[in-house]
Amino acid sequence: MRAVRCHQYGPPEMLVVEDIPSLIPDAGQVIISVKAAGVNFPDSLIIQNKYQIKTSLPFSPGGELAGVIKSVGSGVTK
């Protein structure tokens, strides 16, 4: 699958689009095929390591999205 990844902290120009292995949901998780994603001010702070919540590298920034559930892990009922 394709993903936007942050491998080192810095401005948005440092983000890369790359192929990563497809995800497999653990118990209680769902995998979403993202159709649209928003970028907000906290995202710009997170990729620069200036946000109060610190994220380990590498990561895919963003928490606002819309999509279709692709797969579900055990125990998912809703």
Protein backbone atom coordinates (compact mmCIF):
# COMPACT_ATOMS: atom_id res chain seq x y z
CA MET A 1 0.00 0.00 0.00
CA ARG A 2 1.06 3.62 -0.45
CA ALA A 3 1.56 5.84 2.57
CA VAL A 4 2.79 9.33 3.43
CA ARG A 5 5.60 8.82 5.93
CA CYS A 6 7.62 11.02 8.24
CA HIS A 7 11.13 9.57 8.72
CA GLN A 8 12.68 12.69 10.26
CA TYR A 9 11.14 15.73 11.88
CA GLY A 10 10.88 18.89 9.81
CA PRO A 11 8.70 20.82 7.37
CA PRO A 12 6.13 19.14 5.09
CA GLU A 13 8.70 18.96 2.29
CA MET A 14 10.48 16.25 4.31
CA LEU A 15 7.49 13.85 4.05
CA VAL A 16 7.75 11.02 1.51
CA VAL A 17 5.21 8.84 -0.27
CA GLU A 18 6.31 5.22 -0.27
CA ASP A 19 5.12 1.65 -0.55
CA ILE A 20 4.78 -0.21 2.76
CA PRO A 21 3.46 -3.71 3.55
CA SER A 22 -0.33 -4.01 3.82
CA LEU A 23 -1.62 -3.84 7.37
CA ILE A 24 -3.33 -6.71 9.17
CA PRO A 25 -5.78 -5.74 11.94
CA ASP A 26 -5.20 -6.98 15.49
CA ALA A 27 -8.09 -7.87 17.78
CA GLY A 28 -10.45 -4.94 18.14
CA GLN A 29 -8.97 -3.01 15.19
CA VAL A 30 -10.16 -2.15 11.68
CA ILE A 31 -8.18 -1.32 8.55
CA ILE A 32 -9.61 1.57 6.52
CA SER A 33 -8.98 2.16 2.83
CA VAL A 34 -8.54 5.94 2.93
CA LYS A 35 -10.37 7.90 0.22
CA ALA A 36 -9.80 11.42 1.58
CA ALA A 37 -7.62 12.88 4.34
CA GLY A 38 -7.43 16.28 5.96
CA VAL A 39 -4.33 18.10 7.09
CA ASN A 40 -4.69 20.37 10.10
CA PHE A 41 -2.47 22.64 12.17
CA PRO A 42 -1.62 19.96 14.79
CA ASP A 43 -0.36 17.71 11.95
CA SER A 44 2.09 20.43 10.92
CA LEU A 45 3.35 20.61 14.51
CA ILE A 46 3.59 16.82 14.93
CA ILE A 47 5.84 16.38 11.86
CA GLN A 48 8.15 19.05 13.31
CA ASN A 49 8.15 17.42 16.81
CA LYS A 50 6.60 20.61 18.26
CA TYR A 51 3.32 19.10 19.49
CA GLN A 52 2.64 18.10 23.11
CA ILE A 53 2.14 14.46 22.06
CA LYS A 54 5.39 12.98 20.73
CA THR A 55 5.29 10.31 18.02
CA SER A 56 8.06 7.79 17.34
CA LEU A 57 9.64 7.77 13.89
CA PRO A 58 8.71 6.68 11.29
CA PHE A 59 4.97 7.41 11.24
CA SER A 60 2.15 8.46 8.93
CA PRO A 61 0.76 11.81 10.08
CA GLY A 62 -2.91 12.67 10.11
CA GLY A 63 -5.97 11.74 12.08
CA GLU A 64 -8.78 13.13 9.93
CA LEU A 65 -9.90 10.76 7.21
CA ALA A 66 -12.80 9.29 5.32
CA GLY A 67 -12.81 5.87 3.74
CA VAL A 68 -14.15 2.37 3.54
CA ILE A 69 -13.50 -0.42 6.03
CA LYS A 70 -11.23 -2.91 4.30
CA SER A 71 -10.82 -5.57 7.01
CA VAL A 72 -11.66 -6.15 10.66
CA GLY A 73 -9.89 -7.90 13.50
CA SER A 74 -11.45 -10.41 15.85
CA GLY A 75 -13.95 -9.04 18.32
CA VAL A 76 -15.07 -6.12 16.14
CA THR A 77 -18.86 -5.96 16.21
CA LYS A 78 -19.71 -2.37 15.22
